[in-house]
Amino acid sequence: MGSVEADHEGGVAKRLWNKFKNGRALALYSPYIVCLASGTLDPTSFLHCISQDFYLLQAFARAYELAEEYADDDEDKEAIVKLRKRVLKRLRNQDALISEWGFEPPKDHTCNDATSKYTEFLMETASGKVGGEKFAVKIVTPFEKTKLAAYTLSAISPCMRLYSFISREIQALLDPDESNNIYKKWLNSLSSEKFEASASRIEDLLDKLSISLTGEELDVVERLYHRAMKLKLDFIWSQSVVQQTIVPFSLLRNSGEDNLITLCDFDLTCTAIDSSALLAEIAIVAATNISEPQLPSSDHIRTTWNELFSQYVEEYQQCIESIVPSEACIDNSTQGTRLDYEGLCKALEQISEVEKRATSRVVHSNVLKGLNLADIKRAGEHLSFQDGCKRFFQDLVECNKCAADIHVLSYCWCSDLIESAFSSGEQNVLNVHSNNLVYEASVSTGDMSKDMESPMDKLRVFNEITKNGGKASTVYIGGSAGDLLCLLEADFGIVIGLSGSLERLGNHFGIRFVPLFSGLVREQRELAETGILSRDGRSNILYTVCNWDEIYAFILGR
């Protein structure tokens, strides 16, 4: 675990919030929050959650009281007193607020396990304990007690920031004049300037109290913050939801026979670098280490590769420009846009010709001749992935309830590279569909079998997989023009890291790109109304995410 003092951008609170950012997606994509955002959450579930918040508020008030005793600065004491008074006021007015939000205050208060674990952790922290044990650093002088105030605030801060984040994300989806979401008043209270100011004051005070802490003590702050974040996520996921939910998607079944088919692109969707560049680098290194007359030199390979790459980029950009001129206006807000599927297919055929010509030039140049299969597999094992990608597939494979069928569809020139990249055990169940180098005695001849060169090739494989998949739910994850046809055919087509050129191309043919969370809120409303997730033909909507944390939370949840 890296120390929080290693990052100098912003204060401790901001750095920790960003370090554990995967918690945001796990909270946002929980069944309770998605139902809340859609306005379909059962009021009983809502009131139960509010009753659990009551216990948290009580624990906050007591923790602030202890933190006030630890603080030796009058200004800090005053700030903590104000935070405590705000909590006490909220506790006194709880029933009145619930009535103001349009609900009958709950009569029964029973603390559930997740709530108990958070409150116990908070009280232990405020008392100078972690997991029932005293901190290693002995508290002797009154000055040293100030660290306990910082520790206490680190156990409260993520809870407040998470609530503020969730409410603002939901508020961004609501029409200002919308009145059919019965939780709007409650959301307004959490996204108010007063609530945000309170969350910010806690963070500012945590920053101030952490200034004098040592590196070891800052590590304690980080561990407490992370633990508090996990406990708050457990709290959110423990909230009961009576209706069927769109999340986690891996558990949404219409019958026990249904299964989940997850299909994914590879280059720059899963990986941090393009596999073609990696293969070229392996060839350059191999040529440096082995000097044989029949093989090109490392300098020749590097020069040739740079020329091939530059030519490909130039032709690709010219092709995109001929299809959608750069001055064409992007309008992704038109609700009634119809998908021009035929026009899209014709455009993708043009792009495919560029891809095919580039691949043929690579084969004819012999830049990949002489690659050793062992070197390729070794490079694959150390290939850098996008953050969270590999963990997603590992956990998806191990999910017994998911009945997952996983496929990678890629233009990559070497399926061996992909298989070795997923070499931590899941290669036996992760199916790879791509091109492959031709070998003689485990050494590349420079030629390749071209099985996956176009969007149509990917779509053909997609249809073959799903046709044999029975009653299956399908998710396709990609990020390039070559993925568009498969993305459109899937139940959920997810674009990770939407590029400007892909957005321009998609909009030109009537594709709408919608953030995944807002799309799920809409899907949850439909599921609540009809009881089924209908898929009547090809959709023109694709869902966008910024990272794999969102995909993980959507499909697997906690």
Protein backbone atom coordinates (compact mmCIF):
# COMPACT_ATOMS: atom_id res chain seq x y z
CA MET A 1 0.00 0.00 0.00
CA GLY A 2 1.52 3.33 -1.05
CA SER A 3 1.61 6.13 1.49
CA VAL A 4 -0.81 8.98 0.97
CA GLU A 5 2.02 11.45 1.46
CA ALA A 6 3.57 10.29 -1.84
CA ASP A 7 0.88 12.14 -3.79
CA HIS A 8 1.15 15.91 -3.63
CA GLU A 9 -1.92 16.83 -5.65
CA GLY A 10 -4.50 18.14 -3.18
CA GLY A 11 -5.01 17.24 0.46
CA VAL A 12 -5.14 13.84 2.11
CA ALA A 13 -8.94 13.54 1.84
CA LYS A 14 -9.01 14.26 -1.90
CA ARG A 15 -6.13 11.90 -2.60
CA LEU A 16 -7.78 9.07 -0.69
CA TRP A 17 -11.13 9.67 -2.39
CA ASN A 18 -9.38 9.36 -5.76
CA LYS A 19 -7.23 6.40 -4.72
CA PHE A 20 -10.27 4.32 -3.78
CA LYS A 21 -12.41 5.57 -6.67
CA ASN A 22 -13.61 2.06 -7.54
CA GLY A 23 -15.91 2.39 -4.54
CA ARG A 24 -17.90 5.05 -6.39
CA ALA A 25 -18.96 2.62 -9.12
CA LEU A 26 -19.74 -0.14 -6.61
CA ALA A 27 -22.04 2.24 -4.74
CA LEU A 28 -23.67 3.76 -7.81
CA TYR A 29 -24.42 0.43 -9.52
CA SER A 30 -25.90 -1.22 -6.43
CA PRO A 31 -29.52 -2.48 -6.68
CA TYR A 32 -30.68 -0.04 -4.01
CA ILE A 33 -29.19 3.06 -5.66
CA VAL A 34 -30.29 2.13 -9.21
CA CYS A 35 -33.86 1.56 -7.97
CA LEU A 36 -33.71 4.80 -5.98
CA ALA A 37 -32.52 6.76 -9.02
CA SER A 38 -35.25 5.25 -11.20
CA GLY A 39 -37.93 6.18 -8.68
CA THR A 40 -39.12 2.56 -8.52
CA LEU A 41 -37.67 1.73 -5.09
CA ASP A 42 -40.27 0.34 -2.70
CA PRO A 43 -40.96 2.92 0.07
CA THR A 44 -40.50 0.21 2.72
CA SER A 45 -36.92 -0.32 1.52
CA PHE A 46 -36.28 3.41 1.55
CA LEU A 47 -37.59 3.85 5.11
CA HIS A 48 -35.54 0.88 6.31
CA CYS A 49 -32.39 2.52 4.94
CA ILE A 50 -33.31 5.81 6.63
CA SER A 51 -33.76 3.95 9.91
CA GLN A 52 -30.26 2.50 9.51
CA ASP A 53 -28.89 5.97 8.86
CA PHE A 54 -30.25 6.93 12.29
CA TYR A 55 -27.73 4.57 13.94
CA LEU A 56 -24.90 5.96 11.85
CA LEU A 57 -25.81 9.52 12.84
CA GLN A 58 -25.79 8.54 16.50
CA ALA A 59 -22.32 7.04 16.08
CA PHE A 60 -21.12 10.16 14.23
CA ALA A 61 -22.34 12.38 17.09
CA ARG A 62 -20.48 10.31 19.70
CA ALA A 63 -17.34 10.13 17.53
CA TYR A 64 -17.33 13.92 17.08
CA GLU A 65 -17.66 14.30 20.84
CA LEU A 66 -14.52 12.22 21.38
CA ALA A 67 -12.67 13.97 18.55
CA GLU A 68 -13.43 17.32 20.17
CA GLU A 69 -11.68 16.12 23.34
CA TYR A 70 -8.59 15.09 21.34
CA ALA A 71 -8.22 18.35 19.39
CA ASP A 72 -5.88 20.84 21.10
CA ASP A 73 -6.53 23.75 18.76
CA ASP A 74 -9.51 25.98 19.64
CA GLU A 75 -10.35 26.48 15.97
CA ASP A 76 -10.35 22.74 15.38
CA LYS A 77 -12.50 22.16 18.43
CA GLU A 78 -14.99 24.74 17.22
CA ALA A 79 -15.13 23.12 13.77
CA ILE A 80 -15.79 19.67 15.29
CA VAL A 81 -18.47 21.12 17.58
CA LYS A 82 -20.27 22.58 14.56
CA LEU A 83 -20.17 19.21 12.79
CA ARG A 84 -21.57 17.49 15.89
CA LYS A 85 -24.34 20.06 16.30
CA ARG A 86 -25.39 19.53 12.69
CA VAL A 87 -25.66 15.77 13.29
CA LEU A 88 -27.63 16.26 16.52
CA LYS A 89 -30.00 18.63 14.75
CA ARG A 90 -30.53 16.03 12.01
CA LEU A 91 -31.29 13.41 14.65
CA ARG A 92 -33.82 15.65 16.41
CA ASN A 93 -35.54 16.53 13.15
CA GLN A 94 -35.39 13.05 11.59
CA ASP A 95 -39.12 12.30 11.82
CA ALA A 96 -40.09 15.79 10.67
CA LEU A 97 -37.74 15.51 7.68
CA ILE A 98 -39.16 12.11 6.72
CA SER A 99 -42.67 13.59 6.82
CA GLU A 100 -41.47 16.54 4.76
CA TRP A 101 -40.14 14.10 2.15
CA GLY A 102 -43.65 12.62 1.93
CA PHE A 103 -43.31 9.45 4.03
CA GLU A 104 -44.57 8.13 7.34
CA PRO A 105 -41.67 7.90 9.85
CA PRO A 106 -40.76 4.25 10.55
CA LYS A 107 -41.89 3.00 13.96
CA ASP A 108 -39.46 0.12 14.27
CA HIS A 109 -35.68 0.60 14.42
CA THR A 110 -33.64 -2.60 14.22
CA CYS A 111 -29.92 -2.27 13.54
CA ASN A 112 -28.75 -4.70 10.84
CA ASP A 113 -25.33 -6.38 10.69
CA ALA A 114 -23.77 -4.03 8.12
CA THR A 115 -24.83 -0.99 10.14
CA SER A 116 -23.50 -2.53 13.37
CA LYS A 117 -20.12 -3.26 11.79
CA TYR A 118 -19.74 0.36 10.63
CA THR A 119 -20.81 1.87 13.97
CA GLU A 120 -18.57 -0.52 15.93
CA PHE A 121 -15.62 0.29 13.69
CA LEU A 122 -16.27 4.01 14.09
CA MET A 123 -16.49 3.84 17.88
CA GLU A 124 -13.36 1.70 18.12
CA THR A 125 -11.50 4.19 15.95
CA ALA A 126 -12.72 7.18 17.97
CA SER A 127 -11.60 5.36 21.13
CA GLY A 128 -8.10 4.81 19.76
CA LYS A 129 -8.55 1.19 18.68
CA VAL A 130 -8.53 -0.67 15.39
CA GLY A 131 -10.03 -4.14 15.31
CA GLY A 132 -10.04 -4.14 19.11
CA GLU A 133 -6.30 -3.47 19.31
CA LYS A 134 -4.54 -0.30 20.48
CA PHE A 135 -2.60 1.65 17.88
CA ALA A 136 1.07 0.79 17.77
CA VAL A 137 1.96 4.42 18.39
CA LYS A 138 1.56 5.09 22.10
CA ILE A 139 -0.53 8.13 23.07
CA VAL A 140 1.24 9.94 25.92
CA THR A 141 0.98 13.71 25.60
CA PRO A 142 -2.14 15.80 24.84
CA PHE A 143 -0.47 16.84 21.57
CA GLU A 144 -0.23 13.21 20.48
CA LYS A 145 -3.96 12.79 21.06
CA THR A 146 -4.65 15.07 18.11
CA LYS A 147 -3.87 12.16 15.81
CA LEU A 148 -6.97 10.39 17.16
CA ALA A 149 -9.08 13.31 15.90
CA ALA A 150 -7.59 12.78 12.43
CA TYR A 151 -8.20 9.03 12.64
CA THR A 152 -11.83 9.60 13.64
CA LEU A 153 -12.48 11.99 10.76
CA SER A 154 -10.86 9.56 8.32
CA ALA A 155 -13.50 6.99 9.36
CA ILE A 156 -16.37 9.46 8.72
CA SER A 157 -15.19 11.37 5.64
CA PRO A 158 -15.78 8.70 2.92
CA CYS A 159 -19.35 8.13 4.09
CA MET A 160 -20.28 11.79 3.69
CA ARG A 161 -18.44 12.18 0.38
CA LEU A 162 -20.07 9.02 -1.00
CA TYR A 163 -23.55 10.28 -0.14
CA SER A 164 -22.83 13.62 -1.78
CA PHE A 165 -21.43 11.92 -4.89
CA ILE A 166 -24.39 9.53 -5.26
CA SER A 167 -27.04 12.22 -4.83
CA ARG A 168 -25.38 14.52 -7.36
CA GLU A 169 -25.01 11.72 -9.91
CA ILE A 170 -28.72 10.94 -9.59
CA GLN A 171 -29.74 14.59 -9.63
CA ALA A 172 -27.92 15.02 -12.95
CA LEU A 173 -30.35 12.51 -14.49
CA LEU A 174 -33.54 14.08 -13.18
CA ASP A 175 -35.49 16.66 -15.11
CA PRO A 176 -35.83 19.81 -12.95
CA ASP A 177 -39.59 19.66 -13.50
CA GLU A 178 -39.79 15.90 -12.95
CA SER A 179 -42.15 15.02 -10.12
CA ASN A 180 -42.62 11.26 -10.57
CA ASN A 181 -39.51 10.34 -8.54
CA ILE A 182 -40.91 10.20 -5.01
CA TYR A 183 -37.41 10.45 -3.53
CA LYS A 184 -36.58 13.77 -5.13
CA LYS A 185 -36.90 15.77 -1.90
CA TRP A 186 -34.54 13.41 -0.10
CA LEU A 187 -32.08 13.63 -2.98
CA ASN A 188 -32.35 17.41 -2.87
CA SER A 189 -31.35 17.39 0.78
CA LEU A 190 -28.22 15.30 0.11
CA SER A 191 -27.15 17.37 -2.89
CA SER A 192 -27.84 20.69 -1.17
CA GLU A 193 -25.15 23.30 -0.62
CA LYS A 194 -25.42 22.72 3.14
CA PHE A 195 -24.72 18.99 2.85
CA GLU A 196 -21.83 19.58 0.42
CA ALA A 197 -20.40 22.23 2.74
CA SER A 198 -20.56 19.78 5.64
CA ALA A 199 -18.77 17.04 3.63
CA SER A 200 -16.12 19.55 2.55
CA ARG A 201 -15.60 20.80 6.12
CA ILE A 202 -14.88 17.26 7.28
CA GLU A 203 -12.34 16.82 4.48
CA ASP A 204 -10.71 20.21 5.13
CA LEU A 205 -10.40 19.41 8.82
CA LEU A 206 -8.96 15.96 8.06
CA ASP A 207 -6.37 17.64 5.81
CA LYS A 208 -5.46 20.12 8.55
CA LEU A 209 -5.19 17.51 11.31
CA SER A 210 -3.04 15.28 9.07
CA ILE A 211 -0.36 17.88 8.42
CA SER A 212 1.64 16.97 11.54
CA LEU A 213 1.31 13.18 11.11
CA THR A 214 4.28 10.97 10.32
CA GLY A 215 4.38 8.66 7.32
CA GLU A 216 3.40 5.71 9.53
CA GLU A 217 0.47 7.64 10.96
CA LEU A 218 -0.66 8.70 7.50
CA ASP A 219 -0.71 5.01 6.57
CA VAL A 220 -3.09 4.49 9.49
CA VAL A 221 -5.31 7.28 8.11
CA GLU A 222 -5.33 5.54 4.73
CA ARG A 223 -6.22 2.14 6.18
CA LEU A 224 -9.04 3.64 8.22
CA TYR A 225 -10.39 5.59 5.24
CA HIS A 226 -10.31 2.47 3.06
CA ARG A 227 -11.98 0.37 5.76
CA ALA A 228 -14.69 3.00 6.20
CA MET A 229 -15.29 3.06 2.44
CA LYS A 230 -15.69 -0.73 2.32
CA LEU A 231 -18.04 -0.75 5.32
CA LYS A 232 -20.17 1.99 3.77
CA LEU A 233 -20.38 -0.02 0.54
CA ASP A 234 -21.44 -3.05 2.59
CA PHE A 235 -24.08 -0.83 4.18
CA ILE A 236 -25.45 0.24 0.78
CA TRP A 237 -25.44 -3.28 -0.65
CA SER A 238 -27.12 -4.65 2.46
CA GLN A 239 -30.22 -2.52 1.86
CA SER A 240 -33.09 -4.79 0.87
CA VAL A 241 -34.76 -4.37 -2.52
CA VAL A 242 -37.99 -6.30 -3.07
CA GLN A 243 -38.26 -5.95 -6.83
CA GLN A 244 -36.24 -7.51 -9.64
CA THR A 245 -33.26 -5.36 -10.56
CA ILE A 246 -31.15 -4.81 -13.64
CA VAL A 247 -28.01 -5.02 -11.49
CA PRO A 248 -25.94 -7.08 -11.06
CA PHE A 249 -26.60 -8.04 -14.66
CA SER A 250 -24.93 -11.44 -14.28
CA LEU A 251 -27.75 -12.47 -11.91
CA LEU A 252 -30.64 -11.23 -14.06
CA ARG A 253 -32.26 -14.39 -15.40
CA ASN A 254 -35.64 -15.16 -16.90
CA SER A 255 -35.10 -18.86 -16.23
CA GLY A 256 -32.52 -21.19 -14.76
CA GLU A 257 -31.44 -22.13 -18.27
CA ASP A 258 -30.30 -18.62 -19.15
CA ASN A 259 -26.61 -17.83 -19.13
CA LEU A 260 -24.44 -14.79 -19.69
CA ILE A 261 -22.26 -14.45 -22.77
CA THR A 262 -19.60 -11.79 -22.36
CA LEU A 263 -17.71 -10.80 -25.51
CA CYS A 264 -14.86 -8.34 -25.63
CA ASP A 265 -12.35 -6.65 -27.89
CA PHE A 266 -8.68 -6.91 -26.84
CA ASP A 267 -6.37 -4.15 -28.06
CA LEU A 268 -6.77 -0.95 -25.99
CA THR A 269 -10.05 -2.27 -24.61
CA CYS A 270 -8.37 -4.79 -22.32
CA THR A 271 -4.78 -3.73 -22.83
CA ALA A 272 -2.91 -0.52 -22.10
CA ILE A 273 -0.91 -0.80 -25.35
CA ASP A 274 -1.66 -2.07 -28.86
CA SER A 275 -0.54 -5.67 -29.42
CA SER A 276 0.79 -4.92 -32.92
CA ALA A 277 3.33 -2.50 -31.46
CA LEU A 278 4.32 -5.12 -28.87
CA LEU A 279 4.88 -7.77 -31.55
CA ALA A 280 6.99 -5.32 -33.54
CA GLU A 281 9.08 -4.62 -30.42
CA ILE A 282 9.58 -8.36 -29.83
CA ALA A 283 10.79 -8.67 -33.44
CA ILE A 284 13.23 -5.78 -32.98
CA VAL A 285 14.65 -7.30 -29.79
CA ALA A 286 14.91 -10.73 -31.41
CA ALA A 287 16.77 -9.28 -34.41
CA THR A 288 19.18 -7.49 -32.05
CA ASN A 289 19.99 -10.70 -30.18
CA ILE A 290 20.15 -13.01 -33.19
CA SER A 291 22.02 -11.99 -36.31
CA GLU A 292 21.10 -14.22 -39.24
CA PRO A 293 21.46 -13.33 -42.92
CA GLN A 294 17.94 -14.43 -43.82
CA LEU A 295 16.35 -12.23 -41.15
CA PRO A 296 16.04 -8.44 -41.39
CA SER A 297 18.17 -6.34 -39.01
CA SER A 298 16.68 -4.62 -35.96
CA ASP A 299 17.21 -1.19 -37.54
CA HIS A 300 15.45 -2.32 -40.71
CA ILE A 301 12.51 -3.72 -38.70
CA ARG A 302 12.17 -0.50 -36.67
CA THR A 303 12.28 1.71 -39.76
CA THR A 304 9.88 -0.50 -41.69
CA TRP A 305 7.47 -0.70 -38.78
CA ASN A 306 7.42 3.09 -38.32
CA GLU A 307 6.69 3.53 -42.02
CA LEU A 308 3.93 0.91 -41.96
CA PHE A 309 2.33 2.45 -38.90
CA SER A 310 2.46 5.99 -40.30
CA GLN A 311 0.92 4.85 -43.57
CA TYR A 312 -1.88 3.03 -41.72
CA VAL A 313 -2.71 6.05 -39.53
CA GLU A 314 -2.77 8.36 -42.54
CA GLU A 315 -5.03 6.06 -44.58
CA TYR A 316 -7.34 5.44 -41.63
CA GLN A 317 -7.78 9.13 -40.91
CA GLN A 318 -8.40 9.87 -44.58
CA CYS A 319 -11.02 7.10 -44.69
CA ILE A 320 -12.85 8.43 -41.62
CA GLU A 321 -12.72 11.94 -43.04
CA SER A 322 -14.22 10.75 -46.34
CA ILE A 323 -17.09 9.10 -44.46
CA VAL A 324 -17.70 11.85 -41.88
CA PRO A 325 -16.00 15.18 -42.61
CA SER A 326 -14.52 16.73 -39.45
CA GLU A 327 -16.76 19.79 -39.82
CA ALA A 328 -19.84 17.55 -39.51
CA CYS A 329 -21.78 18.47 -36.40
CA ILE A 330 -22.01 15.93 -33.58
CA ASP A 331 -25.48 15.82 -32.07
CA ASN A 332 -25.88 13.00 -29.58
CA SER A 333 -28.97 14.43 -27.94
CA THR A 334 -31.55 13.73 -30.63
CA GLN A 335 -33.94 11.22 -29.09
CA GLY A 336 -35.65 10.26 -32.37
CA THR A 337 -32.54 9.45 -34.41
CA ARG A 338 -32.92 6.28 -36.48
CA LEU A 339 -30.07 3.89 -37.04
CA ASP A 340 -28.80 3.87 -40.62
CA TYR A 341 -27.53 0.30 -40.42
CA GLU A 342 -27.02 -0.17 -44.15
CA GLY A 343 -25.02 3.05 -44.39
CA LEU A 344 -22.94 2.06 -41.37
CA CYS A 345 -22.11 -1.34 -42.90
CA LYS A 346 -20.96 0.29 -46.13
CA ALA A 347 -18.76 2.71 -44.19
CA LEU A 348 -17.27 -0.11 -42.12
CA GLU A 349 -16.45 -2.00 -45.33
CA GLN A 350 -14.35 1.00 -46.40
CA ILE A 351 -12.58 1.01 -43.03
CA SER A 352 -12.05 -2.75 -43.30
CA GLU A 353 -10.24 -2.33 -46.60
CA VAL A 354 -7.80 0.00 -44.86
CA GLU A 355 -7.24 -2.58 -42.11
CA LYS A 356 -6.76 -5.42 -44.60
CA ARG A 357 -4.27 -3.48 -46.70
CA ALA A 358 -2.28 -2.61 -43.60
CA THR A 359 -2.17 -6.25 -42.47
CA SER A 360 -1.09 -7.41 -45.94
CA ARG A 361 1.75 -4.87 -45.95
CA VAL A 362 2.93 -6.20 -42.58
CA VAL A 363 2.99 -9.77 -43.90
CA HIS A 364 4.83 -8.82 -47.09
CA SER A 365 7.40 -6.75 -45.18
CA ASN A 366 8.51 -9.77 -43.12
CA VAL A 367 8.84 -7.61 -39.98
CA LEU A 368 7.28 -10.42 -37.96
CA LYS A 369 9.48 -13.15 -39.38
CA GLY A 370 11.63 -15.02 -36.87
CA LEU A 371 9.52 -14.38 -33.75
CA ASN A 372 9.87 -17.18 -31.25
CA LEU A 373 6.60 -18.49 -29.81
CA ALA A 374 8.12 -18.68 -26.32
CA ASP A 375 9.07 -14.98 -26.49
CA ILE A 376 5.53 -14.08 -27.57
CA LYS A 377 3.98 -16.02 -24.71
CA ARG A 378 6.40 -14.50 -22.22
CA ALA A 379 5.54 -10.99 -23.46
CA GLY A 380 1.84 -11.81 -23.19
CA GLU A 381 2.23 -12.89 -19.58
CA HIS A 382 3.67 -9.45 -18.74
CA LEU A 383 1.33 -7.41 -20.93
CA SER A 384 -0.09 -4.32 -19.21
CA PHE A 385 -3.88 -4.33 -18.87
CA GLN A 386 -6.32 -1.52 -18.26
CA ASP A 387 -6.91 -1.07 -14.53
CA GLY A 388 -9.50 -3.53 -13.28
CA CYS A 389 -9.84 -5.48 -16.54
CA LYS A 390 -8.01 -8.64 -15.55
CA ARG A 391 -9.66 -8.74 -12.13
CA PHE A 392 -13.06 -8.51 -13.83
CA PHE A 393 -12.45 -11.56 -16.02
CA GLN A 394 -10.86 -13.54 -13.20
CA ASP A 395 -13.84 -12.93 -10.93
CA LEU A 396 -16.33 -13.52 -13.74
CA VAL A 397 -14.78 -16.93 -14.38
CA GLU A 398 -14.94 -17.78 -10.66
CA CYS A 399 -18.55 -16.59 -10.28
CA ASN A 400 -20.52 -19.82 -9.87
CA LYS A 401 -23.89 -18.05 -10.19
CA CYS A 402 -23.01 -16.34 -13.48
CA ALA A 403 -22.82 -19.35 -15.82
CA ALA A 404 -20.47 -17.12 -17.80
CA ASP A 405 -19.34 -17.83 -21.36
CA ILE A 406 -16.43 -15.52 -22.22
CA HIS A 407 -15.06 -14.70 -25.68
CA VAL A 408 -12.39 -12.33 -26.99
CA LEU A 409 -12.89 -11.12 -30.58
CA SER A 410 -9.81 -9.33 -31.84
CA TYR A 411 -7.91 -8.12 -34.89
CA CYS A 412 -4.73 -9.05 -32.99
CA TRP A 413 -2.24 -10.83 -35.23
CA CYS A 414 -1.48 -13.53 -32.67
CA SER A 415 -4.02 -15.47 -30.60
CA ASP A 416 -1.13 -17.01 -28.62
CA LEU A 417 -0.36 -13.55 -27.28
CA ILE A 418 -3.96 -13.10 -26.06
CA GLU A 419 -4.12 -16.56 -24.48
CA SER A 420 -0.86 -16.04 -22.61
CA ALA A 421 -2.02 -12.61 -21.46
CA PHE A 422 -4.94 -14.33 -19.69
CA SER A 423 -2.65 -16.99 -18.26
CA SER A 424 -3.64 -16.90 -14.58
CA GLY A 425 -6.01 -19.83 -14.93
CA GLU A 426 -8.92 -18.51 -16.96
CA GLN A 427 -7.45 -19.42 -20.36
CA ASN A 428 -9.31 -22.74 -20.32
CA VAL A 429 -12.69 -21.03 -20.33
CA LEU A 430 -11.86 -17.78 -22.13
CA ASN A 431 -12.31 -18.37 -25.86
CA VAL A 432 -10.10 -16.42 -28.25
CA HIS A 433 -11.13 -15.56 -31.82
CA SER A 434 -8.42 -13.69 -33.74
CA ASN A 435 -5.72 -13.99 -36.38
CA ASN A 436 -2.57 -15.99 -35.75
CA LEU A 437 1.00 -16.11 -36.91
CA VAL A 438 2.17 -19.10 -38.92
CA TYR A 439 5.03 -21.03 -37.27
CA GLU A 440 7.65 -23.53 -38.31
CA ALA A 441 9.28 -25.23 -35.32
CA SER A 442 7.79 -22.54 -33.03
CA VAL A 443 9.34 -19.72 -35.07
CA SER A 444 7.20 -17.30 -37.08
CA THR A 445 7.46 -17.43 -40.86
CA GLY A 446 6.17 -13.84 -41.08
CA ASP A 447 2.88 -15.03 -42.56
CA MET A 448 -0.41 -15.21 -40.66
CA SER A 449 -3.83 -16.80 -40.89
CA LYS A 450 -6.30 -13.94 -41.39
CA ASP A 451 -9.46 -15.04 -39.65
CA MET A 452 -10.54 -11.73 -38.09
CA GLU A 453 -9.99 -8.71 -40.31
CA SER A 454 -13.26 -6.81 -40.39
CA PRO A 455 -16.34 -5.84 -38.35
CA MET A 456 -18.23 -8.36 -40.49
CA ASP A 457 -15.83 -11.11 -39.36
CA LYS A 458 -16.47 -10.13 -35.74
CA LEU A 459 -20.23 -10.06 -36.31
CA ARG A 460 -20.13 -13.48 -37.97
CA VAL A 461 -18.34 -14.96 -34.95
CA PHE A 462 -20.68 -13.08 -32.58
CA ASN A 463 -23.72 -14.60 -34.30
CA GLU A 464 -22.21 -18.10 -34.28
CA ILE A 465 -21.53 -17.84 -30.54
CA THR A 466 -24.91 -16.41 -29.59
CA LYS A 467 -26.84 -18.76 -31.91
CA ASN A 468 -25.41 -21.73 -30.04
CA GLY A 469 -25.81 -20.05 -26.65
CA GLY A 470 -29.46 -20.91 -26.08
CA LYS A 471 -31.38 -18.39 -23.97
CA ALA A 472 -28.53 -16.05 -23.25
CA SER A 473 -27.98 -12.48 -22.16
CA THR A 474 -25.17 -10.82 -24.12
CA VAL A 475 -22.72 -8.07 -23.26
CA TYR A 476 -20.15 -6.81 -25.75
CA ILE A 477 -17.32 -4.54 -24.60
CA GLY A 478 -15.29 -2.62 -27.15
CA GLY A 479 -13.96 0.75 -28.15
CA SER A 480 -13.26 0.95 -31.88
CA ALA A 481 -15.11 1.14 -35.19
CA GLY A 482 -14.44 -2.57 -35.70
CA ASP A 483 -16.63 -3.34 -32.69
CA LEU A 484 -19.69 -1.33 -33.73
CA LEU A 485 -21.73 -4.11 -35.34
CA CYS A 486 -21.25 -6.45 -32.39
CA LEU A 487 -21.93 -3.63 -29.93
CA LEU A 488 -25.25 -2.93 -31.64
CA GLU A 489 -26.30 -6.60 -31.63
CA ALA A 490 -25.59 -7.23 -27.94
CA ASP A 491 -28.19 -6.76 -25.21
CA PHE A 492 -25.74 -4.31 -23.72
CA GLY A 493 -23.08 -2.82 -26.00
CA ILE A 494 -20.54 -1.05 -23.78
CA VAL A 495 -17.98 1.38 -25.18
CA ILE A 496 -15.04 1.94 -22.87
CA GLY A 497 -13.17 5.23 -23.32
CA LEU A 498 -15.29 6.73 -26.12
CA SER A 499 -13.01 8.46 -28.64
CA GLY A 500 -13.97 11.55 -30.61
CA SER A 501 -13.62 9.77 -33.96
CA LEU A 502 -15.83 6.85 -32.89
CA GLU A 503 -18.44 9.23 -31.51
CA ARG A 504 -18.43 11.21 -34.76
CA LEU A 505 -18.77 8.06 -36.86
CA GLY A 506 -21.52 6.61 -34.68
CA ASN A 507 -23.57 9.80 -34.54
CA HIS A 508 -23.36 10.14 -38.31
CA PHE A 509 -25.27 6.85 -38.67
CA GLY A 510 -27.78 7.43 -35.89
CA ILE A 511 -26.03 5.74 -32.96
CA ARG A 512 -26.66 7.30 -29.56
CA PHE A 513 -23.98 7.06 -26.87
CA VAL A 514 -25.48 7.06 -23.38
CA PRO A 515 -23.58 6.88 -20.04
CA LEU A 516 -24.14 3.40 -18.62
CA PHE A 517 -25.54 4.53 -15.27
CA SER A 518 -28.24 6.71 -16.82
CA GLY A 519 -29.07 3.89 -19.25
CA LEU A 520 -29.50 1.44 -16.38
CA VAL A 521 -31.82 3.82 -14.57
CA ARG A 522 -34.02 3.91 -17.67
CA GLU A 523 -33.83 0.12 -18.04
CA GLN A 524 -34.79 -0.30 -14.37
CA ARG A 525 -37.94 1.76 -14.93
CA GLU A 526 -38.84 -0.48 -17.88
CA LEU A 527 -38.14 -3.62 -15.85
CA ALA A 528 -40.36 -2.34 -13.02
CA GLU A 529 -43.21 -1.63 -15.46
CA THR A 530 -43.09 -4.80 -17.57
CA GLY A 531 -41.28 -7.35 -15.41
CA ILE A 532 -38.98 -8.28 -18.29
CA LEU A 533 -35.95 -6.81 -20.02
CA SER A 534 -37.21 -6.65 -23.59
CA ARG A 535 -34.91 -6.76 -26.59
CA ASP A 536 -37.03 -6.27 -29.70
CA GLY A 537 -34.51 -6.09 -32.49
CA ARG A 538 -31.33 -4.09 -32.89
CA SER A 539 -30.96 -0.97 -30.74
CA ASN A 540 -29.25 2.25 -31.76
CA ILE A 541 -28.13 2.91 -28.17
CA LEU A 542 -24.63 2.10 -26.94
CA TYR A 543 -23.56 2.62 -23.35
CA THR A 544 -20.35 4.40 -22.38
CA VAL A 545 -18.09 3.91 -19.37
CA CYS A 546 -14.86 5.56 -18.31
CA ASN A 547 -13.22 2.49 -16.77
CA TRP A 548 -13.53 -1.20 -15.93
CA ASP A 549 -14.77 -0.44 -12.42
CA GLU A 550 -18.14 0.49 -13.91
CA ILE A 551 -18.28 -2.70 -15.97
CA TYR A 552 -17.34 -4.79 -12.94
CA ALA A 553 -20.01 -3.15 -10.76
CA PHE A 554 -22.69 -3.46 -13.46
CA ILE A 555 -22.11 -7.12 -14.26
CA LEU A 556 -20.75 -8.61 -11.04
CA GLY A 557 -21.73 -6.10 -8.36
CA ARG A 558 -20.04 -6.71 -5.03
